[in-house]
Amino acid sequence: MMPEYGHALLCLALGVALLLSVYPLWGVARGDARMMASAGVFAWLLFICVAGAFFVLVHAFVVNDFTVAYVAGNSNTQLPVWYRVAATWGAHEGSLLLWVLLMSGWTLAVAVFSRPVPADIVARVLAVMGMVCAGFLAFILFTSSPFARTLPAFPVEGRDLNPLLQDPGLIFHPPLLYMGYVGFSVAFAFAIAALLSGRLDSAFTRFARPWTLAAWVFLTLGIVLGSAWAYYELGWG
């Protein structure tokens, strides 16, 4: 039943992301402070739902649940546990889920650490982040679910993780790289919020700058680690 719980959490996350996309903007249009403040609550709910789904997938890898097609295709019982955890993002479906997890994390961070920013701006930014999250969640649910089953017949052994990915680089490189990639969605959200508000001034640049710098640092670290991994794994350089 655990994979079904994971799928249900993703469905719930999509619903929350859609609410985050619409309700705070409605509050901005009405000048309703409580509706604008609801964006922070939705950001918490979104992160909790996506983190819960991600935990379910990690658990499936750790316990070798080969009734899950994604686990059966990217792990086996001989794989060390740290590579089983990293295999969670070792292929298409899991890497998309990691992407959405990090995006929901950035969304929550904006909600928590943007208290000096005017409420209408935060509401617009979080609404844009919700729209982006909703798009990725819909893509996962309709085309790339990591919780698809192999039932009624399931293998007793998995196909194993790609040997090129059985490296410590897999543990650190994708999460750091994705933190950088996804982090720039915050700068995008501030830019769209500025366009929506009609106030194209330096204030938005000032608000977005710390987030952009943080994303840049993560992206740089991810690229550096990825370059080192590619150098000794594939031999280019």
C-alpha atoms as a PDB file:
ATOM      1  CA  MET A   1       0.000   0.000   0.000  1.00  0.00           C
ATOM      2  CA  MET A   2       2.937   2.395   0.499  1.00  0.00           C
ATOM      3  CA  PRO A   3       3.315   3.248  -3.214  1.00  0.00           C
ATOM      4  CA  GLU A   4      -0.392   4.048  -3.380  1.00  0.00           C
ATOM      5  CA  TYR A   5       0.090   6.449  -0.469  1.00  0.00           C
ATOM      6  CA  GLY A   6       2.917   8.080  -2.401  1.00  0.00           C
ATOM      7  CA  HIS A   7       0.725   8.473  -5.472  1.00  0.00           C
ATOM      8  CA  ALA A   8      -2.086   9.902  -3.342  1.00  0.00           C
ATOM      9  CA  LEU A   9       0.305  12.426  -1.795  1.00  0.00           C
ATOM     10  CA  LEU A  10       1.351  13.571  -5.267  1.00  0.00           C
ATOM     11  CA  CYS A  11      -2.308  13.997  -6.233  1.00  0.00           C
ATOM     12  CA  LEU A  12      -2.868  16.005  -3.064  1.00  0.00           C
ATOM     13  CA  ALA A  13       0.247  18.063  -3.796  1.00  0.00           C
ATOM     14  CA  LEU A  14      -1.124  18.906  -7.246  1.00  0.00           C
ATOM     15  CA  GLY A  15      -4.361  20.122  -5.677  1.00  0.00           C
ATOM     16  CA  VAL A  16      -2.440  22.264  -3.175  1.00  0.00           C
ATOM     17  CA  ALA A  17      -0.219  23.675  -5.939  1.00  0.00           C
ATOM     18  CA  LEU A  18      -3.297  24.671  -7.940  1.00  0.00           C
ATOM     19  CA  LEU A  19      -4.757  26.404  -4.876  1.00  0.00           C
ATOM     20  CA  LEU A  20      -1.440  28.176  -4.322  1.00  0.00           C
ATOM     21  CA  SER A  21      -1.520  29.300  -7.953  1.00  0.00           C
ATOM     22  CA  VAL A  22      -4.942  30.942  -7.699  1.00  0.00           C
ATOM     23  CA  TYR A  23      -6.078  31.785  -4.169  1.00  0.00           C
ATOM     24  CA  PRO A  24      -3.306  34.265  -3.178  1.00  0.00           C
ATOM     25  CA  LEU A  25      -3.675  36.118  -6.500  1.00  0.00           C
ATOM     26  CA  TRP A  26      -7.376  36.400  -5.823  1.00  0.00           C
ATOM     27  CA  GLY A  27      -6.479  37.854  -2.448  1.00  0.00           C
ATOM     28  CA  VAL A  28      -4.182  40.407  -4.097  1.00  0.00           C
ATOM     29  CA  ALA A  29      -6.976  41.441  -6.467  1.00  0.00           C
ATOM     30  CA  ARG A  30      -9.364  41.876  -3.529  1.00  0.00           C
ATOM     31  CA  GLY A  31      -6.805  43.437  -1.206  1.00  0.00           C
ATOM     32  CA  ASP A  32      -7.520  40.682   1.334  1.00  0.00           C
ATOM     33  CA  ALA A  33      -4.525  40.215   3.654  1.00  0.00           C
ATOM     34  CA  ARG A  34      -5.735  36.842   4.974  1.00  0.00           C
ATOM     35  CA  MET A  35      -6.062  35.408   1.469  1.00  0.00           C
ATOM     36  CA  MET A  36      -2.581  36.653   0.593  1.00  0.00           C
ATOM     37  CA  ALA A  37      -1.190  35.155   3.813  1.00  0.00           C
ATOM     38  CA  SER A  38      -2.695  31.768   2.888  1.00  0.00           C
ATOM     39  CA  ALA A  39       0.131  31.381   0.368  1.00  0.00           C
ATOM     40  CA  GLY A  40       2.472  30.508   3.236  1.00  0.00           C
ATOM     41  CA  VAL A  41       0.126  27.791   4.504  1.00  0.00           C
ATOM     42  CA  PHE A  42      -0.190  26.309   1.022  1.00  0.00           C
ATOM     43  CA  ALA A  43       3.610  26.372   0.649  1.00  0.00           C
ATOM     44  CA  TRP A  44       3.954  24.308   3.845  1.00  0.00           C
ATOM     45  CA  LEU A  45       1.296  21.825   2.723  1.00  0.00           C
ATOM     46  CA  LEU A  46       2.880  21.493  -0.710  1.00  0.00           C
ATOM     47  CA  PHE A  47       6.302  20.726   0.731  1.00  0.00           C
ATOM     48  CA  ILE A  48       4.911  18.216   3.239  1.00  0.00           C
ATOM     49  CA  CYS A  49       2.987  16.335   0.535  1.00  0.00           C
ATOM     50  CA  VAL A  50       5.908  16.179  -1.909  1.00  0.00           C
ATOM     51  CA  ALA A  51       8.404  15.284   0.831  1.00  0.00           C
ATOM     52  CA  GLY A  52       6.074  12.511   1.973  1.00  0.00           C
ATOM     53  CA  ALA A  53       5.840  11.103  -1.551  1.00  0.00           C
ATOM     54  CA  PHE A  54       9.617  11.285  -1.929  1.00  0.00           C
ATOM     55  CA  PHE A  55      10.091   9.448   1.383  1.00  0.00           C
ATOM     56  CA  VAL A  56       7.753   6.692   0.159  1.00  0.00           C
ATOM     57  CA  LEU A  57       9.902   6.226  -2.958  1.00  0.00           C
ATOM     58  CA  VAL A  58      13.127   6.184  -0.930  1.00  0.00           C
ATOM     59  CA  HIS A  59      11.564   3.596   1.392  1.00  0.00           C
ATOM     60  CA  ALA A  60      10.648   1.431  -1.608  1.00  0.00           C
ATOM     61  CA  PHE A  61      14.294   1.439  -2.712  1.00  0.00           C
ATOM     62  CA  VAL A  62      15.672   0.737   0.760  1.00  0.00           C
ATOM     63  CA  VAL A  63      13.391  -2.289   1.310  1.00  0.00           C
ATOM     64  CA  ASN A  64      13.802  -3.540  -2.298  1.00  0.00           C
ATOM     65  CA  ASP A  65      10.119  -3.283  -3.175  1.00  0.00           C
ATOM     66  CA  PHE A  66      10.277  -4.731  -6.688  1.00  0.00           C
ATOM     67  CA  THR A  67       6.521  -4.475  -7.060  1.00  0.00           C
ATOM     68  CA  VAL A  68       7.310  -0.853  -7.985  1.00  0.00           C
ATOM     69  CA  ALA A  69       8.449  -0.786 -11.617  1.00  0.00           C
ATOM     70  CA  TYR A  70      10.847   2.114 -11.089  1.00  0.00           C
ATOM     71  CA  VAL A  71      12.598   0.282  -8.233  1.00  0.00           C
ATOM     72  CA  ALA A  72      12.762  -2.985 -10.181  1.00  0.00           C
ATOM     73  CA  GLY A  73      14.380  -1.187 -13.111  1.00  0.00           C
ATOM     74  CA  ASN A  74      17.015   0.727 -11.151  1.00  0.00           C
ATOM     75  CA  SER A  75      18.091  -1.343  -8.130  1.00  0.00           C
ATOM     76  CA  ASN A  76      18.747  -4.841  -6.818  1.00  0.00           C
ATOM     77  CA  THR A  77      19.349  -6.578  -3.507  1.00  0.00           C
ATOM     78  CA  GLN A  78      23.168  -6.474  -3.861  1.00  0.00           C
ATOM     79  CA  LEU A  79      23.311  -2.691  -4.230  1.00  0.00           C
ATOM     80  CA  PRO A  80      24.667  -0.911  -1.104  1.00  0.00           C
ATOM     81  CA  VAL A  81      22.008   1.003   0.767  1.00  0.00           C
ATOM     82  CA  TRP A  82      23.517   4.439   0.027  1.00  0.00           C
ATOM     83  CA  TYR A  83      23.337   3.705  -3.708  1.00  0.00           C
ATOM     84  CA  ARG A  84      19.777   2.429  -3.287  1.00  0.00           C
ATOM     85  CA  VAL A  85      18.870   5.793  -1.772  1.00  0.00           C
ATOM     86  CA  ALA A  86      20.706   7.669  -4.534  1.00  0.00           C
ATOM     87  CA  ALA A  87      19.020   5.472  -7.149  1.00  0.00           C
ATOM     88  CA  THR A  88      15.825   7.281  -6.165  1.00  0.00           C
ATOM     89  CA  TRP A  89      16.937  10.063  -8.537  1.00  0.00           C
ATOM     90  CA  GLY A  90      19.006   7.836 -10.828  1.00  0.00           C
ATOM     91  CA  ALA A  91      16.492   7.754 -13.693  1.00  0.00           C
ATOM     92  CA  HIS A  92      13.733   9.817 -15.286  1.00  0.00           C
ATOM     93  CA  GLU A  93      10.772   9.415 -12.918  1.00  0.00           C
ATOM     94  CA  GLY A  94      12.717   9.765  -9.685  1.00  0.00           C
ATOM     95  CA  SER A  95      14.769  12.711 -10.898  1.00  0.00           C
ATOM     96  CA  LEU A  96      11.553  14.546 -11.740  1.00  0.00           C
ATOM     97  CA  LEU A  97      10.257  13.847  -8.247  1.00  0.00           C
ATOM     98  CA  LEU A  98      13.522  15.182  -6.778  1.00  0.00           C
ATOM     99  CA  TRP A  99      13.092  18.268  -8.978  1.00  0.00           C
ATOM    100  CA  VAL A 100       9.602  18.910  -7.589  1.00  0.00           C
ATOM    101  CA  LEU A 101      10.764  18.224  -4.018  1.00  0.00           C
ATOM    102  CA  LEU A 102      13.476  20.860  -4.325  1.00  0.00           C
ATOM    103  CA  MET A 103      11.089  23.280  -6.009  1.00  0.00           C
ATOM    104  CA  SER A 104       8.590  22.876  -3.175  1.00  0.00           C
ATOM    105  CA  GLY A 105      11.492  23.421  -0.771  1.00  0.00           C
ATOM    106  CA  TRP A 106      12.454  26.681  -2.475  1.00  0.00           C
ATOM    107  CA  THR A 107       8.788  27.708  -2.408  1.00  0.00           C
ATOM    108  CA  LEU A 108       8.632  27.071   1.328  1.00  0.00           C
ATOM    109  CA  ALA A 109      11.902  28.950   1.855  1.00  0.00           C
ATOM    110  CA  VAL A 110      10.487  32.001   0.068  1.00  0.00           C
ATOM    111  CA  ALA A 111       7.385  31.825   2.266  1.00  0.00           C
ATOM    112  CA  VAL A 112       9.445  31.592   5.468  1.00  0.00           C
ATOM    113  CA  PHE A 113      12.268  34.053   4.749  1.00  0.00           C
ATOM    114  CA  SER A 114      10.467  36.810   2.821  1.00  0.00           C
ATOM    115  CA  ARG A 115       8.720  38.480   5.739  1.00  0.00           C
ATOM    116  CA  PRO A 116      10.382  41.885   5.076  1.00  0.00           C
ATOM    117  CA  VAL A 117       8.941  41.765   1.531  1.00  0.00           C
ATOM    118  CA  PRO A 118       5.472  43.330   1.040  1.00  0.00           C
ATOM    119  CA  ALA A 119       2.685  40.755   1.365  1.00  0.00           C
ATOM    120  CA  ASP A 120       1.266  41.341  -2.119  1.00  0.00           C
ATOM    121  CA  ILE A 121       4.659  40.681  -3.706  1.00  0.00           C
ATOM    122  CA  VAL A 122       5.182  37.478  -1.703  1.00  0.00           C
ATOM    123  CA  ALA A 123       1.687  36.304  -2.649  1.00  0.00           C
ATOM    124  CA  ARG A 124       2.416  36.848  -6.348  1.00  0.00           C
ATOM    125  CA  VAL A 125       5.822  35.152  -6.147  1.00  0.00           C
ATOM    126  CA  LEU A 126       4.452  32.104  -4.335  1.00  0.00           C
ATOM    127  CA  ALA A 127       1.544  31.887  -6.775  1.00  0.00           C
ATOM    128  CA  VAL A 128       3.980  31.751  -9.701  1.00  0.00           C
ATOM    129  CA  MET A 129       6.028  29.094  -7.883  1.00  0.00           C
ATOM    130  CA  GLY A 130       2.797  27.168  -7.343  1.00  0.00           C
ATOM    131  CA  MET A 131       2.032  27.305 -11.060  1.00  0.00           C
ATOM    132  CA  VAL A 132       5.456  25.900 -11.924  1.00  0.00           C
ATOM    133  CA  CYS A 133       5.100  23.152  -9.307  1.00  0.00           C
ATOM    134  CA  ALA A 134       1.630  22.302 -10.599  1.00  0.00           C
ATOM    135  CA  GLY A 135       2.985  21.896 -14.121  1.00  0.00           C
ATOM    136  CA  PHE A 136       5.697  19.468 -13.048  1.00  0.00           C
ATOM    137  CA  LEU A 137       3.362  17.551 -10.744  1.00  0.00           C
ATOM    138  CA  ALA A 138       0.825  17.138 -13.545  1.00  0.00           C
ATOM    139  CA  PHE A 139       3.600  15.888 -15.853  1.00  0.00           C
ATOM    140  CA  ILE A 140       4.707  13.327 -13.249  1.00  0.00           C
ATOM    141  CA  LEU A 141       1.198  12.093 -12.495  1.00  0.00           C
ATOM    142  CA  PHE A 142       0.044  11.783 -16.097  1.00  0.00           C
ATOM    143  CA  THR A 143       3.214  10.645 -17.874  1.00  0.00           C
ATOM    144  CA  SER A 144       6.009   9.666 -15.449  1.00  0.00           C
ATOM    145  CA  SER A 145       4.692   8.223 -12.202  1.00  0.00           C
ATOM    146  CA  PRO A 146       7.488   6.681 -10.099  1.00  0.00           C
ATOM    147  CA  PHE A 147       4.900   4.577  -8.253  1.00  0.00           C
ATOM    148  CA  ALA A 148       3.671   2.448 -11.174  1.00  0.00           C
ATOM    149  CA  ARG A 149       3.364  -1.218 -10.150  1.00  0.00           C
ATOM    150  CA  THR A 150       4.743  -4.395 -11.733  1.00  0.00           C
ATOM    151  CA  LEU A 151       1.773  -6.363 -10.360  1.00  0.00           C
ATOM    152  CA  PRO A 152       0.368  -8.989 -10.609  1.00  0.00           C
ATOM    153  CA  ALA A 153       3.704 -10.573 -11.604  1.00  0.00           C
ATOM    154  CA  PHE A 154       6.805  -8.926 -10.154  1.00  0.00           C
ATOM    155  CA  PRO A 155      10.519  -9.849 -10.324  1.00  0.00           C
ATOM    156  CA  VAL A 156      12.324 -11.306  -7.322  1.00  0.00           C
ATOM    157  CA  GLU A 157      15.441  -9.355  -8.298  1.00  0.00           C
ATOM    158  CA  GLY A 158      15.896  -5.911  -9.827  1.00  0.00           C
ATOM    159  CA  ARG A 159      17.798  -5.012 -12.991  1.00  0.00           C
ATOM    160  CA  ASP A 160      20.388  -2.982 -11.027  1.00  0.00           C
ATOM    161  CA  LEU A 161      21.428   0.645 -11.229  1.00  0.00           C
ATOM    162  CA  ASN A 162      23.421   1.722 -14.290  1.00  0.00           C
ATOM    163  CA  PRO A 163      27.076   0.866 -13.432  1.00  0.00           C
ATOM    164  CA  LEU A 164      28.224   4.348 -14.497  1.00  0.00           C
ATOM    165  CA  LEU A 165      25.962   5.782 -11.802  1.00  0.00           C
ATOM    166  CA  GLN A 166      27.301   3.566  -9.012  1.00  0.00           C
ATOM    167  CA  ASP A 167      29.606   6.298  -7.802  1.00  0.00           C
ATOM    168  CA  PRO A 168      29.595   8.780  -4.890  1.00  0.00           C
ATOM    169  CA  GLY A 169      29.037  11.461  -7.522  1.00  0.00           C
ATOM    170  CA  LEU A 170      25.442  10.289  -7.883  1.00  0.00           C
ATOM    171  CA  ILE A 171      24.819  11.016  -4.204  1.00  0.00           C
ATOM    172  CA  PHE A 172      25.906  14.663  -4.344  1.00  0.00           C
ATOM    173  CA  HIS A 173      25.961  15.898  -7.944  1.00  0.00           C
ATOM    174  CA  PRO A 174      22.276  15.713  -9.000  1.00  0.00           C
ATOM    175  CA  PRO A 175      20.836  17.218  -5.779  1.00  0.00           C
ATOM    176  CA  LEU A 176      23.290  20.137  -5.856  1.00  0.00           C
ATOM    177  CA  LEU A 177      22.798  20.694  -9.579  1.00  0.00           C
ATOM    178  CA  TYR A 178      19.030  20.589  -9.237  1.00  0.00           C
ATOM    179  CA  MET A 179      19.160  22.954  -6.252  1.00  0.00           C
ATOM    180  CA  GLY A 180      20.837  25.434  -8.574  1.00  0.00           C
ATOM    181  CA  TYR A 181      18.574  24.863 -11.558  1.00  0.00           C
ATOM    182  CA  VAL A 182      15.386  24.970  -9.520  1.00  0.00           C
ATOM    183  CA  GLY A 183      16.591  27.895  -7.428  1.00  0.00           C
ATOM    184  CA  PHE A 184      16.520  30.163 -10.452  1.00  0.00           C
ATOM    185  CA  SER A 185      12.769  29.628 -10.608  1.00  0.00           C
ATOM    186  CA  VAL A 186      12.614  32.015  -7.629  1.00  0.00           C
ATOM    187  CA  ALA A 187      14.232  34.758  -9.715  1.00  0.00           C
ATOM    188  CA  PHE A 188      11.769  33.925 -12.493  1.00  0.00           C
ATOM    189  CA  ALA A 189       8.867  34.148 -10.037  1.00  0.00           C
ATOM    190  CA  PHE A 190      10.011  37.572  -8.812  1.00  0.00           C
ATOM    191  CA  ALA A 191      10.286  38.774 -12.419  1.00  0.00           C
ATOM    192  CA  ILE A 192       6.760  37.580 -13.235  1.00  0.00           C
ATOM    193  CA  ALA A 193       5.478  39.095  -9.982  1.00  0.00           C
ATOM    194  CA  ALA A 194       6.991  42.431 -11.004  1.00  0.00           C
ATOM    195  CA  LEU A 195       5.262  42.243 -14.380  1.00  0.00           C
ATOM    196  CA  LEU A 196       1.950  41.336 -12.745  1.00  0.00           C
ATOM    197  CA  SER A 197       2.199  44.226 -10.305  1.00  0.00           C
ATOM    198  CA  GLY A 198       3.278  46.748 -12.931  1.00  0.00           C
ATOM    199  CA  ARG A 199       6.032  47.985 -10.620  1.00  0.00           C
ATOM    200  CA  LEU A 200       9.250  47.416 -12.551  1.00  0.00           C
ATOM    201  CA  ASP A 201      11.658  49.057 -10.124  1.00  0.00           C
ATOM    202  CA  SER A 202      14.868  48.204  -8.303  1.00  0.00           C
ATOM    203  CA  ALA A 203      12.970  46.827  -5.304  1.00  0.00           C
ATOM    204  CA  PHE A 204      12.274  43.552  -7.095  1.00  0.00           C
ATOM    205  CA  THR A 205      15.942  43.209  -7.988  1.00  0.00           C
ATOM    206  CA  ARG A 206      16.854  43.754  -4.347  1.00  0.00           C
ATOM    207  CA  PHE A 207      14.332  41.159  -3.182  1.00  0.00           C
ATOM    208  CA  ALA A 208      15.407  38.549  -5.764  1.00  0.00           C
ATOM    209  CA  ARG A 209      19.165  38.989  -5.463  1.00  0.00           C
ATOM    210  CA  PRO A 210      19.810  36.792  -2.367  1.00  0.00           C
ATOM    211  CA  TRP A 211      17.806  33.941  -3.903  1.00  0.00           C
ATOM    212  CA  THR A 212      19.654  34.259  -7.204  1.00  0.00           C
ATOM    213  CA  LEU A 213      23.039  34.210  -5.454  1.00  0.00           C
ATOM    214  CA  ALA A 214      22.070  31.127  -3.433  1.00  0.00           C
ATOM    215  CA  ALA A 215      20.966  29.309  -6.584  1.00  0.00           C
ATOM    216  CA  TRP A 216      24.182  30.331  -8.334  1.00  0.00           C
ATOM    217  CA  VAL A 217      26.291  28.893  -5.489  1.00  0.00           C
ATOM    218  CA  PHE A 218      24.449  25.553  -5.585  1.00  0.00           C
ATOM    219  CA  LEU A 219      24.687  25.390  -9.381  1.00  0.00           C
ATOM    220  CA  THR A 220      28.418  26.130  -9.289  1.00  0.00           C
ATOM    221  CA  LEU A 221      29.031  23.404  -6.705  1.00  0.00           C
ATOM    222  CA  GLY A 222      26.967  20.946  -8.740  1.00  0.00           C
ATOM    223  CA  ILE A 223      28.861  21.709 -11.944  1.00  0.00           C
ATOM    224  CA  VAL A 224      32.252  21.430 -10.221  1.00  0.00           C
ATOM    225  CA  LEU A 225      31.382  18.047  -8.692  1.00  0.00           C
ATOM    226  CA  GLY A 226      29.857  16.871 -11.967  1.00  0.00           C
ATOM    227  CA  SER A 227      32.979  17.897 -13.878  1.00  0.00           C
ATOM    228  CA  ALA A 228      35.222  15.933 -11.513  1.00  0.00           C
ATOM    229  CA  TRP A 229      32.917  12.918 -11.741  1.00  0.00           C
ATOM    230  CA  ALA A 230      32.821  13.032 -15.533  1.00  0.00           C
ATOM    231  CA  TYR A 231      36.611  13.416 -15.688  1.00  0.00           C
ATOM    232  CA  TYR A 232      37.479  10.240 -13.804  1.00  0.00           C
ATOM    233  CA  GLU A 233      34.390   8.257 -14.889  1.00  0.00           C
ATOM    234  CA  LEU A 234      34.359   9.002 -18.621  1.00  0.00           C
ATOM    235  CA  GLY A 235      37.951  10.125 -19.106  1.00  0.00           C
ATOM    236  CA  TRP A 236      37.471  13.457 -20.860  1.00  0.00           C
ATOM    237  CA  GLY A 237      39.548  16.513 -20.007  1.00  0.00           C
END
